[in-house]
C-alpha atoms as a PDB file:
ATOM      1  CA  MET A   1      92.115  82.705  73.764  1.00  0.00           C
ATOM      2  CA  LYS A   2      89.298  80.953  75.634  1.00  0.00           C
ATOM      3  CA  ILE A   3      88.124  84.224  77.068  1.00  0.00           C
ATOM      4  CA  PHE A   4      87.631  85.525  73.526  1.00  0.00           C
ATOM      5  CA  ALA A   5      85.723  82.407  72.574  1.00  0.00           C
ATOM      6  CA  LYS A   6      83.448  82.994  75.492  1.00  0.00           C
ATOM      7  CA  ILE A   7      82.898  86.582  74.646  1.00  0.00           C
ATOM      8  CA  LYS A   8      82.414  85.802  71.144  1.00  0.00           C
ATOM      9  CA  PHE A   9      79.705  83.072  72.262  1.00  0.00           C
ATOM     10  CA  TYR A  10      77.492  85.815  74.067  1.00  0.00           C
ATOM     11  CA  PHE A  11      77.913  88.232  71.299  1.00  0.00           C
ATOM     12  CA  SER A  12      76.849  85.624  68.743  1.00  0.00           C
ATOM     13  CA  ALA A  13      73.977  84.580  71.110  1.00  0.00           C
ATOM     14  CA  PHE A  14      73.018  88.314  71.333  1.00  0.00           C
ATOM     15  CA  ILE A  15      73.051  88.462  67.429  1.00  0.00           C
ATOM     16  CA  ILE A  16      70.712  85.482  66.769  1.00  0.00           C
ATOM     17  CA  ALA A  17      68.400  86.578  69.652  1.00  0.00           C
ATOM     18  CA  SER A  18      68.073  90.238  68.525  1.00  0.00           C
ATOM     19  CA  ILE A  19      67.609  89.655  64.868  1.00  0.00           C
ATOM     20  CA  THR A  20      65.070  86.756  65.449  1.00  0.00           C
ATOM     21  CA  MET A  21      63.127  88.842  67.864  1.00  0.00           C
ATOM     22  CA  LEU A  22      63.466  92.323  65.834  1.00  0.00           C
ATOM     23  CA  VAL A  23      63.650  91.206  62.293  1.00  0.00           C
ATOM     24  CA  THR A  24      62.725  87.688  61.605  1.00  0.00           C
ATOM     25  CA  ILE A  25      59.556  87.403  63.567  1.00  0.00           C
ATOM     26  CA  PRO A  26      58.017  90.872  62.540  1.00  0.00           C
ATOM     27  CA  LEU A  27      58.705  90.193  58.709  1.00  0.00           C
ATOM     28  CA  ILE A  28      57.311  86.680  58.622  1.00  0.00           C
ATOM     29  CA  ALA A  29      54.399  87.858  60.626  1.00  0.00           C
ATOM     30  CA  ILE A  30      53.600  90.530  57.951  1.00  0.00           C
ATOM     31  CA  PHE A  31      54.783  88.750  54.859  1.00  0.00           C
ATOM     32  CA  ARG A  32      53.691  85.152  55.600  1.00  0.00           C
ATOM     33  CA  SER A  33      53.706  84.144  51.711  1.00  0.00           C
ATOM     34  CA  LYS A  34      57.446  85.268  51.660  1.00  0.00           C
ATOM     35  CA  LYS A  35      58.542  83.491  54.973  1.00  0.00           C
ATOM     36  CA  GLY A  36      60.906  81.114  52.920  1.00  0.00           C
ATOM     37  CA  ILE A  37      62.924  83.548  51.333  1.00  0.00           C
ATOM     38  CA  ILE A  38      62.952  86.051  54.419  1.00  0.00           C
ATOM     39  CA  ILE A  39      64.303  83.203  56.502  1.00  0.00           C
ATOM     40  CA  HIS A  40      66.971  82.470  53.785  1.00  0.00           C
ATOM     41  CA  HIS A  41      68.220  86.105  53.571  1.00  0.00           C
ATOM     42  CA  VAL A  42      68.027  86.720  57.398  1.00  0.00           C
ATOM     43  CA  ASN A  43      69.933  83.465  58.317  1.00  0.00           C
ATOM     44  CA  GLN A  44      72.623  84.761  55.533  1.00  0.00           C
ATOM     45  CA  LEU A  45      72.881  87.852  57.493  1.00  0.00           C
ATOM     46  CA  ILE A  46      73.146  86.135  60.882  1.00  0.00           C
ATOM     47  CA  LEU A  47      75.910  83.938  59.717  1.00  0.00           C
ATOM     48  CA  PHE A  48      77.852  86.812  58.222  1.00  0.00           C
ATOM     49  CA  LEU A  49      77.562  88.757  61.536  1.00  0.00           C
ATOM     50  CA  ILE A  50      78.862  85.789  63.674  1.00  0.00           C
ATOM     51  CA  GLY A  51      81.738  85.188  61.346  1.00  0.00           C
ATOM     52  CA  GLY A  52      80.462  82.086  59.800  1.00  0.00           C
ATOM     53  CA  LYS A  53      80.237  80.646  56.232  1.00  0.00           C
ATOM     54  CA  VAL A  54      78.433  77.934  54.825  1.00  0.00           C
ATOM     55  CA  ILE A  55      79.606  75.599  51.956  1.00  0.00           C
ATOM     56  CA  SER A  56      78.258  72.364  50.614  1.00  0.00           C
ATOM     57  CA  SER A  57      79.386  69.191  48.804  1.00  0.00           C
ATOM     58  CA  GLY A  58      76.968  67.306  46.490  1.00  0.00           C
ATOM     59  CA  ASP A  59      73.662  68.573  45.353  1.00  0.00           C
ATOM     60  CA  ILE A  60      70.450  69.124  47.373  1.00  0.00           C
ATOM     61  CA  ASP A  61      67.452  67.205  46.275  1.00  0.00           C
ATOM     62  CA  THR A  62      64.703  69.599  46.141  1.00  0.00           C
ATOM     63  CA  ASN A  63      62.294  66.780  45.590  1.00  0.00           C
ATOM     64  CA  ALA A  64      63.022  64.886  48.778  1.00  0.00           C
ATOM     65  CA  ASP A  65      60.237  64.683  51.097  1.00  0.00           C
ATOM     66  CA  MET A  66      62.737  64.492  54.117  1.00  0.00           C
ATOM     67  CA  TYR A  67      66.285  65.404  55.043  1.00  0.00           C
ATOM     68  CA  ILE A  68      68.024  63.433  57.744  1.00  0.00           C
ATOM     69  CA  PHE A  69      70.634  65.410  59.612  1.00  0.00           C
ATOM     70  CA  ASN A  70      73.248  64.822  62.198  1.00  0.00           C
ATOM     71  CA  HIS A  71      72.736  67.194  65.183  1.00  0.00           C
ATOM     72  CA  GLN A  72      74.820  69.700  67.197  1.00  0.00           C
ATOM     73  CA  GLY A  73      73.076  72.923  67.755  1.00  0.00           C
ATOM     74  CA  ILE A  74      70.868  75.814  66.408  1.00  0.00           C
ATOM     75  CA  ILE A  75      73.544  76.520  63.875  1.00  0.00           C
ATOM     76  CA  ASP A  76      72.601  73.288  61.979  1.00  0.00           C
ATOM     77  CA  ILE A  77      69.185  74.941  61.343  1.00  0.00           C
ATOM     78  CA  ILE A  78      70.662  78.544  60.613  1.00  0.00           C
ATOM     79  CA  ALA A  79      73.072  77.565  58.119  1.00  0.00           C
ATOM     80  CA  PHE A  80      70.822  75.247  56.309  1.00  0.00           C
ATOM     81  CA  GLU A  81      68.253  77.760  56.037  1.00  0.00           C
ATOM     82  CA  ALA A  82      70.944  80.344  54.627  1.00  0.00           C
ATOM     83  CA  LEU A  83      71.981  77.608  52.243  1.00  0.00           C
ATOM     84  CA  GLN A  84      68.789  76.702  50.501  1.00  0.00           C
ATOM     85  CA  LYS A  85      65.535  78.629  49.976  1.00  0.00           C
ATOM     86  CA  GLY A  86      63.048  75.682  50.366  1.00  0.00           C
ATOM     87  CA  HIS A  87      62.046  76.613  54.039  1.00  0.00           C
ATOM     88  CA  SER A  88      61.710  73.125  55.315  1.00  0.00           C
ATOM     89  CA  ARG A  89      59.697  72.102  58.241  1.00  0.00           C
ATOM     90  CA  TRP A  90      61.959  71.322  61.113  1.00  0.00           C
ATOM     91  CA  VAL A  91      60.799  68.703  63.748  1.00  0.00           C
ATOM     92  CA  ALA A  92      61.372  70.183  67.065  1.00  0.00           C
ATOM     93  CA  LYS A  93      60.610  69.009  70.695  1.00  0.00           C
ATOM     94  CA  LYS A  94      57.541  70.439  72.156  1.00  0.00           C
ATOM     95  CA  GLU A  95      59.502  72.305  74.929  1.00  0.00           C
ATOM     96  CA  LEU A  96      60.974  74.479  72.448  1.00  0.00           C
ATOM     97  CA  PHE A  97      57.622  75.848  71.456  1.00  0.00           C
ATOM     98  CA  ASN A  98      56.979  77.288  74.988  1.00  0.00           C
ATOM     99  CA  ILE A  99      60.106  79.220  74.799  1.00  0.00           C
ATOM    100  CA  PRO A 100      58.960  82.936  74.216  1.00  0.00           C
ATOM    101  CA  TYR A 101      60.596  84.270  70.939  1.00  0.00           C
ATOM    102  CA  ILE A 102      61.683  80.868  69.707  1.00  0.00           C
ATOM    103  CA  GLY A 103      58.223  79.169  70.297  1.00  0.00           C
ATOM    104  CA  TYR A 104      56.280  82.067  68.316  1.00  0.00           C
ATOM    105  CA  LEU A 105      58.904  82.025  65.323  1.00  0.00           C
ATOM    106  CA  LEU A 106      58.521  78.061  65.354  1.00  0.00           C
ATOM    107  CA  LYS A 107      54.753  78.471  65.225  1.00  0.00           C
ATOM    108  CA  LEU A 108      54.667  81.254  62.414  1.00  0.00           C
ATOM    109  CA  GLY A 109      57.099  78.910  60.399  1.00  0.00           C
ATOM    110  CA  GLU A 110      54.530  76.125  60.785  1.00  0.00           C
ATOM    111  CA  MET A 111      57.330  73.702  62.235  1.00  0.00           C
ATOM    112  CA  ILE A 112      56.429  70.388  63.819  1.00  0.00           C
ATOM    113  CA  SER A 113      56.168  69.937  67.468  1.00  0.00           C
ATOM    114  CA  VAL A 114      56.774  66.470  68.884  1.00  0.00           C
ATOM    115  CA  ASP A 115      55.993  65.446  72.458  1.00  0.00           C
ATOM    116  CA  ARG A 116      58.821  62.701  73.341  1.00  0.00           C
ATOM    117  CA  ASN A 117      56.652  61.722  76.644  1.00  0.00           C
ATOM    118  CA  ASP A 118      53.521  60.983  74.528  1.00  0.00           C
ATOM    119  CA  LYS A 119      53.066  57.661  73.344  1.00  0.00           C
ATOM    120  CA  ARG A 120      50.788  59.140  70.627  1.00  0.00           C
ATOM    121  CA  GLY A 121      53.792  61.479  69.537  1.00  0.00           C
ATOM    122  CA  LEU A 122      54.985  59.241  66.790  1.00  0.00           C
ATOM    123  CA  MET A 123      51.590  58.984  65.058  1.00  0.00           C
ATOM    124  CA  GLN A 124      50.923  62.617  65.590  1.00  0.00           C
ATOM    125  CA  LEU A 125      54.371  63.288  63.833  1.00  0.00           C
ATOM    126  CA  MET A 126      53.336  60.883  60.898  1.00  0.00           C
ATOM    127  CA  LYS A 127      50.462  62.911  60.361  1.00  0.00           C
ATOM    128  CA  ASN A 128      52.243  66.039  60.367  1.00  0.00           C
ATOM    129  CA  VAL A 129      54.701  64.592  57.917  1.00  0.00           C
ATOM    130  CA  GLU A 130      51.940  63.664  55.576  1.00  0.00           C
ATOM    131  CA  TYR A 131      50.312  66.849  55.687  1.00  0.00           C
ATOM    132  CA  SER A 132      53.622  68.447  54.831  1.00  0.00           C
ATOM    133  CA  LYS A 133      54.072  66.109  51.604  1.00  0.00           C
ATOM    134  CA  THR A 134      50.528  66.249  50.403  1.00  0.00           C
ATOM    135  CA  LEU A 135      49.069  69.526  50.977  1.00  0.00           C
ATOM    136  CA  LEU A 136      52.000  72.159  51.896  1.00  0.00           C
ATOM    137  CA  LYS A 137      54.324  70.610  49.582  1.00  0.00           C
ATOM    138  CA  ARG A 138      57.090  71.177  51.955  1.00  0.00           C
ATOM    139  CA  SER A 139      60.305  69.076  52.919  1.00  0.00           C
ATOM    140  CA  VAL A 140      60.492  67.793  56.587  1.00  0.00           C
ATOM    141  CA  ALA A 141      63.913  68.093  58.288  1.00  0.00           C
ATOM    142  CA  ILE A 142      64.695  65.901  61.103  1.00  0.00           C
ATOM    143  CA  PHE A 143      67.580  64.916  63.380  1.00  0.00           C
ATOM    144  CA  PRO A 144      67.091  61.124  63.955  1.00  0.00           C
ATOM    145  CA  GLU A 145      69.628  61.036  66.827  1.00  0.00           C
ATOM    146  CA  GLY A 146      67.017  62.699  69.019  1.00  0.00           C
ATOM    147  CA  THR A 147      69.530  64.747  70.745  1.00  0.00           C
ATOM    148  CA  ARG A 148      72.788  66.442  70.300  1.00  0.00           C
ATOM    149  CA  ALA A 149      75.936  63.960  70.576  1.00  0.00           C
ATOM    150  CA  LYS A 150      79.014  65.107  72.455  1.00  0.00           C
ATOM    151  CA  SER A 151      81.399  63.050  70.300  1.00  0.00           C
ATOM    152  CA  GLN A 152      82.175  62.273  66.846  1.00  0.00           C
ATOM    153  CA  LYS A 153      79.991  59.086  66.753  1.00  0.00           C
ATOM    154  CA  LEU A 154      76.428  59.271  65.733  1.00  0.00           C
ATOM    155  CA  ILE A 155      74.058  58.192  68.495  1.00  0.00           C
ATOM    156  CA  PRO A 156      71.819  55.196  67.152  1.00  0.00           C
ATOM    157  CA  PHE A 157      69.024  56.654  64.975  1.00  0.00           C
ATOM    158  CA  LYS A 158      65.632  56.455  66.489  1.00  0.00           C
ATOM    159  CA  GLN A 159      63.343  54.060  64.949  1.00  0.00           C
ATOM    160  CA  GLY A 160      60.427  56.581  64.502  1.00  0.00           C
ATOM    161  CA  THR A 161      61.876  58.074  61.640  1.00  0.00           C
ATOM    162  CA  LYS A 162      62.558  54.768  59.826  1.00  0.00           C
ATOM    163  CA  ALA A 163      58.728  53.896  60.450  1.00  0.00           C
ATOM    164  CA  ILE A 164      57.399  57.055  59.096  1.00  0.00           C
ATOM    165  CA  VAL A 165      59.499  56.931  55.798  1.00  0.00           C
ATOM    166  CA  GLU A 166      58.495  53.438  55.072  1.00  0.00           C
ATOM    167  CA  LYS A 167      54.883  53.957  55.949  1.00  0.00           C
ATOM    168  CA  LEU A 168      54.599  57.270  53.995  1.00  0.00           C
ATOM    169  CA  LYS A 169      56.819  56.100  51.087  1.00  0.00           C
ATOM    170  CA  LEU A 170      58.976  59.095  51.367  1.00  0.00           C
ATOM    171  CA  ARG A 171      61.816  60.355  49.196  1.00  0.00           C
ATOM    172  CA  VAL A 172      64.824  60.706  51.647  1.00  0.00           C
ATOM    173  CA  GLN A 173      68.156  62.593  51.317  1.00  0.00           C
ATOM    174  CA  PRO A 174      70.759  62.253  54.337  1.00  0.00           C
ATOM    175  CA  VAL A 175      72.898  65.437  54.942  1.00  0.00           C
ATOM    176  CA  VAL A 176      75.864  65.481  56.945  1.00  0.00           C
ATOM    177  CA  ILE A 177      76.592  68.603  58.983  1.00  0.00           C
ATOM    178  CA  THR A 178      80.304  69.508  60.085  1.00  0.00           C
ATOM    179  CA  GLY A 179      81.543  72.596  61.508  1.00  0.00           C
ATOM    180  CA  SER A 180      78.413  73.931  63.222  1.00  0.00           C
ATOM    181  CA  LYS A 181      79.624  73.161  66.711  1.00  0.00           C
ATOM    182  CA  HIS A 182      82.978  74.930  66.142  1.00  0.00           C
ATOM    183  CA  LEU A 183      81.309  78.138  65.127  1.00  0.00           C
ATOM    184  CA  LEU A 184      78.806  78.134  67.943  1.00  0.00           C
ATOM    185  CA  ASP A 185      79.319  75.537  70.810  1.00  0.00           C
ATOM    186  CA  GLU A 186      76.368  75.818  73.165  1.00  0.00           C
ATOM    187  CA  GLY A 187      77.434  73.253  75.413  1.00  0.00           C
ATOM    188  CA  ASN A 188      80.797  74.901  76.432  1.00  0.00           C
ATOM    189  CA  SER A 189      79.471  78.589  75.710  1.00  0.00           C
ATOM    190  CA  THR A 190      82.235  79.230  73.102  1.00  0.00           C
ATOM    191  CA  ALA A 191      82.340  80.605  69.643  1.00  0.00           C
ATOM    192  CA  HIS A 192      84.841  80.888  66.735  1.00  0.00           C
ATOM    193  CA  ASN A 193      84.933  82.096  63.086  1.00  0.00           C
ATOM    194  CA  GLY A 194      84.461  79.085  61.027  1.00  0.00           C
ATOM    195  CA  ILE A 195      82.907  77.015  57.933  1.00  0.00           C
ATOM    196  CA  VAL A 196      79.774  75.178  58.215  1.00  0.00           C
ATOM    197  CA  LYS A 197      79.581  72.314  55.602  1.00  0.00           C
ATOM    198  CA  TYR A 198      76.808  70.241  54.221  1.00  0.00           C
ATOM    199  CA  THR A 199      77.653  66.929  52.546  1.00  0.00           C
ATOM    200  CA  PHE A 200      74.517  65.858  50.443  1.00  0.00           C
ATOM    201  CA  LEU A 201      74.472  62.169  50.093  1.00  0.00           C
ATOM    202  CA  ASP A 202      72.238  60.321  47.338  1.00  0.00           C
ATOM    203  CA  SER A 203      68.660  60.288  48.058  1.00  0.00           C
ATOM    204  CA  ILE A 204      66.767  57.128  48.767  1.00  0.00           C
ATOM    205  CA  ASP A 205      63.446  56.604  47.129  1.00  0.00           C
ATOM    206  CA  ASN A 206      60.903  54.268  48.377  1.00  0.00           C
ATOM    207  CA  CYS A 207      61.467  51.778  45.678  1.00  0.00           C
ATOM    208  CA  ASP A 208      65.090  51.737  46.781  1.00  0.00           C
ATOM    209  CA  LEU A 209      64.134  50.675  50.313  1.00  0.00           C
ATOM    210  CA  ASP A 210      65.530  47.250  51.576  1.00  0.00           C
ATOM    211  CA  SER A 211      65.377  46.031  55.160  1.00  0.00           C
ATOM    212  CA  GLN A 212      68.843  47.567  56.096  1.00  0.00           C
ATOM    213  CA  TRP A 213      68.520  50.856  54.408  1.00  0.00           C
ATOM    214  CA  TYR A 214      68.300  52.865  57.749  1.00  0.00           C
ATOM    215  CA  THR A 215      71.430  51.255  59.165  1.00  0.00           C
ATOM    216  CA  GLU A 216      73.197  52.043  55.970  1.00  0.00           C
ATOM    217  CA  VAL A 217      72.361  55.708  55.995  1.00  0.00           C
ATOM    218  CA  GLN A 218      73.683  56.116  59.563  1.00  0.00           C
ATOM    219  CA  LYS A 219      76.941  54.094  58.332  1.00  0.00           C
ATOM    220  CA  LYS A 220      77.357  56.257  55.178  1.00  0.00           C
ATOM    221  CA  MET A 221      76.902  59.585  57.395  1.00  0.00           C
ATOM    222  CA  GLN A 222      79.419  58.316  59.855  1.00  0.00           C
ATOM    223  CA  GLU A 223      81.934  57.727  57.167  1.00  0.00           C
ATOM    224  CA  VAL A 224      81.698  61.345  55.927  1.00  0.00           C
ATOM    225  CA  ILE A 225      82.120  62.675  59.495  1.00  0.00           C
ATOM    226  CA  ASP A 226      85.236  60.636  60.100  1.00  0.00           C
ATOM    227  CA  TYR A 227      86.584  61.684  56.970  1.00  0.00           C
ATOM    228  CA  GLU A 228      85.794  65.497  57.313  1.00  0.00           C
ATOM    229  CA  TYR A 229      87.579  65.184  60.871  1.00  0.00           C
ATOM    230  CA  LYS A 230      90.380  63.222  59.604  1.00  0.00           C
ATOM    231  CA  TYR A 231      91.365  65.191  56.522  1.00  0.00           C
ATOM    232  CA  THR A 232      89.844  68.788  57.126  1.00  0.00           C
ATOM    233  CA  ASN A 233      90.046  68.860  61.122  1.00  0.00           C
ATOM    234  CA  ARG A 234      86.271  69.696  60.750  1.00  0.00           C
ATOM    235  CA  SER A 235      84.471  68.005  63.582  1.00  0.00           C
ATOM    236  CA  ARG A 236      80.676  67.262  63.647  1.00  0.00           C
END
């Protein structure tokens, strides 16, 4: 069965790359004012072609300034864009902007680049988030773990996200993703048909913040991850 999972991985990777280059980039380059709805429908198509389905629990807060996710891979972004039409600005490491077609897509979508090796990176990220909130009126999507975890346990969240939320007085919604790695596992180069689930937790507004809010968010997200794994066998 593993050989089929390997074949499916390369097929899925080909589908994602081909549609991105031949469909997504040309369409949003031409119809820039419609890029949100274009990306929504194109990612729905990608999910269908690679055997994926997206479901959700709880309600997405369309008034949130920032969504905080756990992270496993590219499917996290594809499935979320297929689920919602808001077209968030994703925070991505600078290196991704230098990859030929991915970088061009990120730039066209006005995504946010962060340089992890630059001490000024946090200040630049804060300016970009503030610009998103005040001028673009677009939410920001971020992975506070900073990298992809290899286990069910969340990696301790980076403190930069906490600082930005508190400084800019943002409304934040934590979102737990389960099932994306089963659909496409970039680390092991395997893929399967599967369901990606987004569990939307209660939003936290600036007025609700206390000194432990960030720790509590990670704790609640971990509880959902553990529940999903135990009762539905859907890993993070």
